[in-house]
Amino acid sequence: MKSTPSLLKVAVVTGAAQGIGKAVAHRLAQDGFAIAIVDINADALGGVKKEIESQGGQALALQADLTKLEDIQSVITQSSEWGQLTVLVNNAGRVIITPFLEITEREWDDIMTLNLKTVFFATQFAARHMHTGGRIVNLSSISGRSGRSDQAHYAAAKCAVISITQSAALSFASQGITVNAVCPGVVDTPMTTGIHEIRAGTLGITPEESLARMVAKIPLGRLEKTEDVAGVISFLCSADAAYITGQSLNVDGGMEMN
């Protein structure tokens, strides 16, 4: 582990151009971290950087294709050179809605590369640069808690993220680095909108009706906000969570209770 001191405590957030990643970047900036925001979408990334800076925060925008190991390593290297790498939030990911029998090898590989391989190697690279007190938070999903008939590959990847989280927590505990995961539910993001546009076509209903059916299954009775997820990640990156590692916390309004 590096021991070079730095005044900046850097938090790397992948997939930060929109949705959960954007909300997490803003929340961690409010918590006092310098934020290295990472995404493949350079234009949207630039917008998030300006927002953070306009609110008094510090941001470094890093465009990267996280399906490439050299890009992952470059992100971690640049972030650790900018300041003391303290937090990594592995948020980048995608979902593909396809019935089990229609999933192709290409779709399987695409999901596993971005949603799983990226998490593993970003964690591996980041841990080499972190000091005692480092925090790694991985985005899993309630889909990783139980199967999904139209996203079997996505559910499998998110389940494996939980396993990687546990393995990393064991691997880095002696170095004082905690590793946890959060499992969001039905979050108000473009990804969720896309899911229900596809499901609606299959069911012969409107996307709004499809989403309403899902929300009806949430005990707390509302769609999840990106800020709901960001708040929990903020806690896991704080001193109050210093004795929590290897855990996967459902943030889903009560949909999953295991």
C-alpha atoms as a PDB file:
ATOM      1  CA  MET A   1       0.000   0.000   0.000  1.00  0.00           C
ATOM      2  CA  LYS A   2       1.177   3.529  -0.732  1.00  0.00           C
ATOM      3  CA  SER A   3       1.977   5.772   2.194  1.00  0.00           C
ATOM      4  CA  THR A   4       2.434   9.083   0.375  1.00  0.00           C
ATOM      5  CA  PRO A   5       0.499  11.745   2.303  1.00  0.00           C
ATOM      6  CA  SER A   6      -1.891  14.106   0.574  1.00  0.00           C
ATOM      7  CA  LEU A   7      -4.217  16.908   1.569  1.00  0.00           C
ATOM      8  CA  LEU A   8      -6.930  15.723  -0.823  1.00  0.00           C
ATOM      9  CA  LYS A   9      -9.024  12.726   0.134  1.00  0.00           C
ATOM     10  CA  VAL A  10     -10.152  11.363  -3.198  1.00  0.00           C
ATOM     11  CA  ALA A  11     -13.303   9.362  -3.871  1.00  0.00           C
ATOM     12  CA  VAL A  12     -13.569   7.628  -7.251  1.00  0.00           C
ATOM     13  CA  VAL A  13     -17.127   7.131  -8.501  1.00  0.00           C
ATOM     14  CA  THR A  14     -17.643   5.141 -11.701  1.00  0.00           C
ATOM     15  CA  GLY A  15     -20.678   5.581 -13.911  1.00  0.00           C
ATOM     16  CA  ALA A  16     -20.985   9.092 -12.488  1.00  0.00           C
ATOM     17  CA  ALA A  17     -22.518  10.897 -15.467  1.00  0.00           C
ATOM     18  CA  GLN A  18     -26.106  10.131 -14.481  1.00  0.00           C
ATOM     19  CA  GLY A  19     -28.404   8.278 -12.116  1.00  0.00           C
ATOM     20  CA  ILE A  20     -27.081   6.755  -8.910  1.00  0.00           C
ATOM     21  CA  GLY A  21     -23.451   7.548  -9.751  1.00  0.00           C
ATOM     22  CA  LYS A  22     -24.193  11.242 -10.211  1.00  0.00           C
ATOM     23  CA  ALA A  23     -26.092  11.401  -6.911  1.00  0.00           C
ATOM     24  CA  VAL A  24     -23.262   9.601  -5.107  1.00  0.00           C
ATOM     25  CA  ALA A  25     -20.668  11.981  -6.564  1.00  0.00           C
ATOM     26  CA  HIS A  26     -22.633  14.992  -5.339  1.00  0.00           C
ATOM     27  CA  ARG A  27     -23.185  13.495  -1.875  1.00  0.00           C
ATOM     28  CA  LEU A  28     -19.538  12.533  -1.356  1.00  0.00           C
ATOM     29  CA  ALA A  29     -18.476  15.993  -2.539  1.00  0.00           C
ATOM     30  CA  GLN A  30     -20.746  17.434   0.156  1.00  0.00           C
ATOM     31  CA  ASP A  31     -19.019  15.105   2.627  1.00  0.00           C
ATOM     32  CA  GLY A  32     -15.709  16.767   1.803  1.00  0.00           C
ATOM     33  CA  PHE A  33     -14.155  14.336  -0.665  1.00  0.00           C
ATOM     34  CA  ALA A  34     -12.454  15.429  -3.870  1.00  0.00           C
ATOM     35  CA  ILE A  35     -14.370  13.465  -6.488  1.00  0.00           C
ATOM     36  CA  ALA A  36     -12.862  11.650  -9.449  1.00  0.00           C
ATOM     37  CA  ILE A  37     -15.917  11.112 -11.621  1.00  0.00           C
ATOM     38  CA  VAL A  38     -15.606   8.409 -14.259  1.00  0.00           C
ATOM     39  CA  ASP A  39     -17.813   7.639 -17.244  1.00  0.00           C
ATOM     40  CA  ILE A  40     -17.634   6.879 -20.954  1.00  0.00           C
ATOM     41  CA  ASN A  41     -19.923   9.859 -21.697  1.00  0.00           C
ATOM     42  CA  ALA A  42     -17.549  12.831 -21.739  1.00  0.00           C
ATOM     43  CA  ASP A  43     -20.181  15.532 -22.305  1.00  0.00           C
ATOM     44  CA  ALA A  44     -22.408  14.461 -19.434  1.00  0.00           C
ATOM     45  CA  LEU A  45     -19.341  13.965 -17.249  1.00  0.00           C
ATOM     46  CA  GLY A  46     -18.279  17.544 -17.878  1.00  0.00           C
ATOM     47  CA  GLY A  47     -21.692  18.736 -16.757  1.00  0.00           C
ATOM     48  CA  VAL A  48     -21.442  16.859 -13.461  1.00  0.00           C
ATOM     49  CA  LYS A  49     -17.957  18.286 -12.896  1.00  0.00           C
ATOM     50  CA  LYS A  50     -19.262  21.838 -13.342  1.00  0.00           C
ATOM     51  CA  GLU A  51     -22.147  21.176 -10.958  1.00  0.00           C
ATOM     52  CA  ILE A  52     -19.850  19.884  -8.226  1.00  0.00           C
ATOM     53  CA  GLU A  53     -17.440  22.779  -8.646  1.00  0.00           C
ATOM     54  CA  SER A  54     -20.254  25.349  -8.661  1.00  0.00           C
ATOM     55  CA  GLN A  55     -21.247  24.046  -5.233  1.00  0.00           C
ATOM     56  CA  GLY A  56     -17.727  24.486  -3.869  1.00  0.00           C
ATOM     57  CA  GLY A  57     -16.489  20.930  -4.432  1.00  0.00           C
ATOM     58  CA  GLN A  58     -13.463  19.597  -6.276  1.00  0.00           C
ATOM     59  CA  ALA A  59     -13.894  17.266  -9.219  1.00  0.00           C
ATOM     60  CA  LEU A  60     -11.685  15.493 -11.727  1.00  0.00           C
ATOM     61  CA  ALA A  61     -13.494  14.211 -14.826  1.00  0.00           C
ATOM     62  CA  LEU A  62     -12.020  11.030 -16.282  1.00  0.00           C
ATOM     63  CA  GLN A  63     -13.498   9.632 -19.472  1.00  0.00           C
ATOM     64  CA  ALA A  64     -12.898   5.900 -19.625  1.00  0.00           C
ATOM     65  CA  ASP A  65     -14.159   2.697 -21.177  1.00  0.00           C
ATOM     66  CA  LEU A  66     -14.220   0.519 -18.088  1.00  0.00           C
ATOM     67  CA  THR A  67     -14.516  -2.671 -20.126  1.00  0.00           C
ATOM     68  CA  LYS A  68     -10.783  -2.173 -20.836  1.00  0.00           C
ATOM     69  CA  LEU A  69      -8.332  -3.009 -18.063  1.00  0.00           C
ATOM     70  CA  GLU A  70      -5.904  -0.332 -19.196  1.00  0.00           C
ATOM     71  CA  ASP A  71      -8.621   2.303 -18.755  1.00  0.00           C
ATOM     72  CA  ILE A  72      -9.475   1.046 -15.266  1.00  0.00           C
ATOM     73  CA  GLN A  73      -5.820   1.145 -14.264  1.00  0.00           C
ATOM     74  CA  SER A  74      -5.410   4.622 -15.748  1.00  0.00           C
ATOM     75  CA  VAL A  75      -8.385   5.914 -13.744  1.00  0.00           C
ATOM     76  CA  ILE A  76      -6.979   4.563 -10.482  1.00  0.00           C
ATOM     77  CA  THR A  77      -3.483   5.848 -11.240  1.00  0.00           C
ATOM     78  CA  GLN A  78      -4.653   9.358 -12.137  1.00  0.00           C
ATOM     79  CA  SER A  79      -6.911   9.502  -9.090  1.00  0.00           C
ATOM     80  CA  SER A  80      -4.169   8.391  -6.703  1.00  0.00           C
ATOM     81  CA  GLU A  81      -1.778  10.932  -8.212  1.00  0.00           C
ATOM     82  CA  TRP A  82      -4.371  13.683  -7.695  1.00  0.00           C
ATOM     83  CA  GLY A  83      -4.640  12.961  -3.976  1.00  0.00           C
ATOM     84  CA  GLN A  84      -4.966  10.229  -1.367  1.00  0.00           C
ATOM     85  CA  LEU A  85      -7.247   7.552  -2.793  1.00  0.00           C
ATOM     86  CA  THR A  86      -9.684   6.969   0.052  1.00  0.00           C
ATOM     87  CA  VAL A  87     -12.938   5.767  -1.514  1.00  0.00           C
ATOM     88  CA  LEU A  88     -13.921   3.706  -4.553  1.00  0.00           C
ATOM     89  CA  VAL A  89     -17.575   3.383  -5.512  1.00  0.00           C
ATOM     90  CA  ASN A  90     -18.035   0.762  -8.235  1.00  0.00           C
ATOM     91  CA  ASN A  91     -21.285   1.961  -9.757  1.00  0.00           C
ATOM     92  CA  ALA A  92     -20.810   1.604 -13.527  1.00  0.00           C
ATOM     93  CA  GLY A  93     -23.070  -0.998 -15.062  1.00  0.00           C
ATOM     94  CA  ARG A  94     -25.832  -1.745 -17.515  1.00  0.00           C
ATOM     95  CA  VAL A  95     -28.886  -3.952 -17.822  1.00  0.00           C
ATOM     96  CA  ILE A  96     -30.185  -5.873 -20.835  1.00  0.00           C
ATOM     97  CA  ILE A  97     -33.758  -7.178 -20.759  1.00  0.00           C
ATOM     98  CA  THR A  98     -33.902 -10.519 -22.537  1.00  0.00           C
ATOM     99  CA  PRO A  99     -35.860 -13.713 -21.790  1.00  0.00           C
ATOM    100  CA  PHE A 100     -33.681 -16.539 -20.431  1.00  0.00           C
ATOM    101  CA  LEU A 101     -33.868 -18.657 -23.606  1.00  0.00           C
ATOM    102  CA  GLU A 102     -32.950 -15.710 -25.844  1.00  0.00           C
ATOM    103  CA  ILE A 103     -29.790 -14.493 -24.094  1.00  0.00           C
ATOM    104  CA  THR A 104     -26.871 -14.625 -26.511  1.00  0.00           C
ATOM    105  CA  GLU A 105     -23.208 -15.184 -25.779  1.00  0.00           C
ATOM    106  CA  ARG A 106     -22.542 -11.559 -26.764  1.00  0.00           C
ATOM    107  CA  GLU A 107     -25.144 -10.270 -24.301  1.00  0.00           C
ATOM    108  CA  TRP A 108     -23.764 -12.521 -21.553  1.00  0.00           C
ATOM    109  CA  ASP A 109     -20.212 -11.299 -22.150  1.00  0.00           C
ATOM    110  CA  ASP A 110     -21.276  -7.630 -22.317  1.00  0.00           C
ATOM    111  CA  ILE A 111     -23.066  -7.835 -18.972  1.00  0.00           C
ATOM    112  CA  MET A 112     -20.344  -9.819 -17.238  1.00  0.00           C
ATOM    113  CA  THR A 113     -17.581  -7.539 -18.488  1.00  0.00           C
ATOM    114  CA  LEU A 114     -18.994  -4.198 -17.334  1.00  0.00           C
ATOM    115  CA  ASN A 115     -21.035  -5.321 -14.319  1.00  0.00           C
ATOM    116  CA  LEU A 116     -18.594  -7.838 -12.854  1.00  0.00           C
ATOM    117  CA  LYS A 117     -15.107  -7.829 -14.376  1.00  0.00           C
ATOM    118  CA  THR A 118     -14.868  -4.056 -13.944  1.00  0.00           C
ATOM    119  CA  VAL A 119     -15.815  -4.299 -10.268  1.00  0.00           C
ATOM    120  CA  PHE A 120     -13.174  -6.941  -9.596  1.00  0.00           C
ATOM    121  CA  PHE A 121     -10.267  -5.195 -11.292  1.00  0.00           C
ATOM    122  CA  ALA A 122     -11.152  -1.686 -10.133  1.00  0.00           C
ATOM    123  CA  THR A 123     -11.221  -3.061  -6.590  1.00  0.00           C
ATOM    124  CA  GLN A 124      -7.913  -4.851  -7.101  1.00  0.00           C
ATOM    125  CA  PHE A 125      -6.165  -1.822  -8.564  1.00  0.00           C
ATOM    126  CA  ALA A 126      -7.615   0.618  -5.998  1.00  0.00           C
ATOM    127  CA  ALA A 127      -6.689  -1.518  -2.984  1.00  0.00           C
ATOM    128  CA  ARG A 128      -3.031  -1.285  -3.964  1.00  0.00           C
ATOM    129  CA  HIS A 129      -3.177   2.488  -3.551  1.00  0.00           C
ATOM    130  CA  MET A 130      -5.340   2.755  -0.442  1.00  0.00           C
ATOM    131  CA  HIS A 131      -4.256   3.544   3.105  1.00  0.00           C
ATOM    132  CA  THR A 132      -5.787   2.251   6.311  1.00  0.00           C
ATOM    133  CA  GLY A 133      -9.321   3.602   6.485  1.00  0.00           C
ATOM    134  CA  GLY A 134      -9.987   3.106   2.787  1.00  0.00           C
ATOM    135  CA  ARG A 135     -13.549   2.377   1.719  1.00  0.00           C
ATOM    136  CA  ILE A 136     -14.763   0.353  -1.253  1.00  0.00           C
ATOM    137  CA  VAL A 137     -18.493   0.220  -1.997  1.00  0.00           C
ATOM    138  CA  ASN A 138     -19.872  -1.942  -4.795  1.00  0.00           C
ATOM    139  CA  LEU A 139     -23.264  -1.509  -6.417  1.00  0.00           C
ATOM    140  CA  SER A 140     -25.100  -4.811  -6.497  1.00  0.00           C
ATOM    141  CA  SER A 141     -28.895  -4.977  -6.798  1.00  0.00           C
ATOM    142  CA  ILE A 142     -31.906  -6.745  -5.361  1.00  0.00           C
ATOM    143  CA  SER A 143     -31.696  -8.659  -8.646  1.00  0.00           C
ATOM    144  CA  GLY A 144     -28.597 -10.232  -7.118  1.00  0.00           C
ATOM    145  CA  ARG A 145     -30.695 -11.513  -4.220  1.00  0.00           C
ATOM    146  CA  SER A 146     -33.121 -13.551  -6.335  1.00  0.00           C
ATOM    147  CA  GLY A 147     -33.481 -14.622  -9.950  1.00  0.00           C
ATOM    148  CA  ARG A 148     -34.977 -12.646 -12.810  1.00  0.00           C
ATOM    149  CA  SER A 149     -36.623 -14.381 -15.758  1.00  0.00           C
ATOM    150  CA  ASP A 150     -35.858 -11.560 -18.178  1.00  0.00           C
ATOM    151  CA  GLN A 151     -32.415 -10.541 -16.846  1.00  0.00           C
ATOM    152  CA  ALA A 152     -30.765 -13.778 -15.790  1.00  0.00           C
ATOM    153  CA  HIS A 153     -27.303 -12.585 -16.832  1.00  0.00           C
ATOM    154  CA  TYR A 154     -27.708  -9.265 -14.991  1.00  0.00           C
ATOM    155  CA  ALA A 155     -28.942 -11.024 -11.849  1.00  0.00           C
ATOM    156  CA  ALA A 156     -26.030 -13.470 -12.017  1.00  0.00           C
ATOM    157  CA  ALA A 157     -23.502 -10.648 -12.296  1.00  0.00           C
ATOM    158  CA  LYS A 158     -25.044  -8.728  -9.398  1.00  0.00           C
ATOM    159  CA  CYS A 159     -25.077 -11.869  -7.262  1.00  0.00           C
ATOM    160  CA  ALA A 160     -21.392 -12.351  -8.056  1.00  0.00           C
ATOM    161  CA  VAL A 161     -20.702  -8.737  -7.007  1.00  0.00           C
ATOM    162  CA  ILE A 162     -21.861  -9.705  -3.523  1.00  0.00           C
ATOM    163  CA  SER A 163     -19.392 -12.606  -3.516  1.00  0.00           C
ATOM    164  CA  ILE A 164     -16.536 -10.385  -4.726  1.00  0.00           C
ATOM    165  CA  THR A 165     -17.419  -7.912  -1.977  1.00  0.00           C
ATOM    166  CA  GLN A 166     -17.085 -10.621   0.661  1.00  0.00           C
ATOM    167  CA  SER A 167     -13.811 -11.940  -0.769  1.00  0.00           C
ATOM    168  CA  ALA A 168     -12.322  -8.455  -0.970  1.00  0.00           C
ATOM    169  CA  ALA A 169     -13.423  -7.676   2.582  1.00  0.00           C
ATOM    170  CA  LEU A 170     -11.538 -10.728   3.808  1.00  0.00           C
ATOM    171  CA  SER A 171      -8.517  -9.926   1.658  1.00  0.00           C
ATOM    172  CA  PHE A 172      -8.098  -6.309   2.773  1.00  0.00           C
ATOM    173  CA  ALA A 173      -9.298  -6.393   6.387  1.00  0.00           C
ATOM    174  CA  SER A 174      -5.761  -6.646   7.749  1.00  0.00           C
ATOM    175  CA  GLN A 175      -4.904  -3.449   5.854  1.00  0.00           C
ATOM    176  CA  GLY A 176      -7.791  -1.546   7.412  1.00  0.00           C
ATOM    177  CA  ILE A 177      -9.802  -1.291   4.189  1.00  0.00           C
ATOM    178  CA  THR A 178     -13.516  -2.036   4.373  1.00  0.00           C
ATOM    179  CA  VAL A 179     -15.482  -3.406   1.429  1.00  0.00           C
ATOM    180  CA  ASN A 180     -19.276  -3.403   1.330  1.00  0.00           C
ATOM    181  CA  ALA A 181     -22.079  -3.487  -1.220  1.00  0.00           C
ATOM    182  CA  VAL A 182     -25.468  -1.889  -1.545  1.00  0.00           C
ATOM    183  CA  CYS A 183     -28.413  -3.519  -3.294  1.00  0.00           C
ATOM    184  CA  PRO A 184     -30.804  -0.866  -4.632  1.00  0.00           C
ATOM    185  CA  GLY A 185     -34.376  -1.658  -5.608  1.00  0.00           C
ATOM    186  CA  VAL A 186     -36.534   0.203  -8.121  1.00  0.00           C
ATOM    187  CA  VAL A 187     -34.682   3.494  -8.515  1.00  0.00           C
ATOM    188  CA  ASP A 188     -35.920   6.494 -10.485  1.00  0.00           C
ATOM    189  CA  THR A 189     -33.221   6.419 -13.178  1.00  0.00           C
ATOM    190  CA  PRO A 190     -33.034   6.189 -16.982  1.00  0.00           C
ATOM    191  CA  MET A 191     -32.127   2.504 -16.562  1.00  0.00           C
ATOM    192  CA  THR A 192     -35.395   1.782 -14.768  1.00  0.00           C
ATOM    193  CA  THR A 193     -37.345   3.720 -17.396  1.00  0.00           C
ATOM    194  CA  GLY A 194     -35.752   1.617 -20.127  1.00  0.00           C
ATOM    195  CA  ILE A 195     -36.552  -1.627 -18.320  1.00  0.00           C
ATOM    196  CA  HIS A 196     -40.237  -0.830 -18.103  1.00  0.00           C
ATOM    197  CA  GLU A 197     -40.459   0.388 -21.684  1.00  0.00           C
ATOM    198  CA  ILE A 198     -39.312  -3.067 -22.758  1.00  0.00           C
ATOM    199  CA  ARG A 199     -41.463  -4.969 -20.256  1.00  0.00           C
ATOM    200  CA  ALA A 200     -44.509  -2.916 -21.190  1.00  0.00           C
ATOM    201  CA  GLY A 201     -44.208  -4.002 -24.811  1.00  0.00           C
ATOM    202  CA  THR A 202     -44.111  -7.646 -23.754  1.00  0.00           C
ATOM    203  CA  LEU A 203     -47.110  -7.285 -21.440  1.00  0.00           C
ATOM    204  CA  GLY A 204     -49.181  -5.116 -23.777  1.00  0.00           C
ATOM    205  CA  ILE A 205     -49.457  -2.246 -21.289  1.00  0.00           C
ATOM    206  CA  THR A 206     -47.942   1.207 -20.987  1.00  0.00           C
ATOM    207  CA  PRO A 207     -44.513   1.765 -19.412  1.00  0.00           C
ATOM    208  CA  GLU A 208     -46.237   3.749 -16.665  1.00  0.00           C
ATOM    209  CA  GLU A 209     -48.501   0.802 -15.859  1.00  0.00           C
ATOM    210  CA  SER A 210     -45.538  -1.573 -15.815  1.00  0.00           C
ATOM    211  CA  LEU A 211     -43.651   0.665 -13.389  1.00  0.00           C
ATOM    212  CA  ALA A 212     -46.758   1.138 -11.230  1.00  0.00           C
ATOM    213  CA  ARG A 213     -47.090  -2.628 -10.870  1.00  0.00           C
ATOM    214  CA  MET A 214     -43.530  -2.807  -9.614  1.00  0.00           C
ATOM    215  CA  VAL A 215     -43.931   0.102  -7.204  1.00  0.00           C
ATOM    216  CA  ALA A 216     -47.038  -1.606  -5.796  1.00  0.00           C
ATOM    217  CA  LYS A 217     -44.717  -4.374  -4.544  1.00  0.00           C
ATOM    218  CA  ILE A 218     -42.611  -1.949  -2.488  1.00  0.00           C
ATOM    219  CA  PRO A 219     -43.660  -1.950   1.202  1.00  0.00           C
ATOM    220  CA  LEU A 220     -42.721   1.724   1.625  1.00  0.00           C
ATOM    221  CA  GLY A 221     -44.975   2.507  -1.317  1.00  0.00           C
ATOM    222  CA  ARG A 222     -42.821   4.787  -3.457  1.00  0.00           C
ATOM    223  CA  LEU A 223     -40.193   4.772  -6.157  1.00  0.00           C
ATOM    224  CA  GLU A 224     -36.651   4.917  -4.805  1.00  0.00           C
ATOM    225  CA  LYS A 225     -34.674   8.138  -5.252  1.00  0.00           C
ATOM    226  CA  THR A 226     -31.024   8.173  -6.230  1.00  0.00           C
ATOM    227  CA  GLU A 227     -30.432  10.173  -3.050  1.00  0.00           C
ATOM    228  CA  ASP A 228     -31.728   7.218  -0.997  1.00  0.00           C
ATOM    229  CA  VAL A 229     -28.841   5.140  -2.315  1.00  0.00           C
ATOM    230  CA  ALA A 230     -26.303   7.958  -2.066  1.00  0.00           C
ATOM    231  CA  GLY A 231     -27.099   8.487   1.611  1.00  0.00           C
ATOM    232  CA  VAL A 232     -26.347   4.883   2.478  1.00  0.00           C
ATOM    233  CA  ILE A 233     -23.111   4.951   0.491  1.00  0.00           C
ATOM    234  CA  SER A 234     -22.150   8.154   2.305  1.00  0.00           C
ATOM    235  CA  PHE A 235     -22.619   6.320   5.605  1.00  0.00           C
ATOM    236  CA  LEU A 236     -20.530   3.328   4.479  1.00  0.00           C
ATOM    237  CA  CYS A 237     -17.734   5.738   3.514  1.00  0.00           C
ATOM    238  CA  SER A 238     -17.848   7.510   6.891  1.00  0.00           C
ATOM    239  CA  ALA A 239     -16.052   6.904  10.173  1.00  0.00           C
ATOM    240  CA  ASP A 240     -19.334   5.632  11.637  1.00  0.00           C
ATOM    241  CA  ALA A 241     -19.072   2.565   9.371  1.00  0.00           C
ATOM    242  CA  ALA A 242     -15.497   1.693  10.337  1.00  0.00           C
ATOM    243  CA  TYR A 243     -16.560  -1.647  11.854  1.00  0.00           C
ATOM    244  CA  ILE A 244     -18.726  -2.748   8.920  1.00  0.00           C
ATOM    245  CA  THR A 245     -17.182  -4.867   6.175  1.00  0.00           C
ATOM    246  CA  GLY A 246     -18.217  -7.712   3.897  1.00  0.00           C
ATOM    247  CA  GLN A 247     -21.874  -6.701   4.080  1.00  0.00           C
ATOM    248  CA  SER A 248     -24.443  -6.249   1.313  1.00  0.00           C
ATOM    249  CA  LEU A 249     -27.189  -3.882   2.397  1.00  0.00           C
ATOM    250  CA  ASN A 250     -30.586  -3.839   0.711  1.00  0.00           C
ATOM    251  CA  VAL A 251     -31.742  -0.272   0.008  1.00  0.00           C
ATOM    252  CA  ASP A 252     -35.059  -1.082  -1.563  1.00  0.00           C
ATOM    253  CA  GLY A 253     -37.985   0.069   0.552  1.00  0.00           C
ATOM    254  CA  GLY A 254     -38.446  -3.420   1.961  1.00  0.00           C
ATOM    255  CA  MET A 255     -38.735  -5.439  -1.260  1.00  0.00           C
ATOM    256  CA  GLU A 256     -36.083  -7.898  -0.102  1.00  0.00           C
ATOM    257  CA  MET A 257     -35.674  -8.690   3.574  1.00  0.00           C
ATOM    258  CA  ASN A 258     -32.718 -11.059   3.682  1.00  0.00           C
END
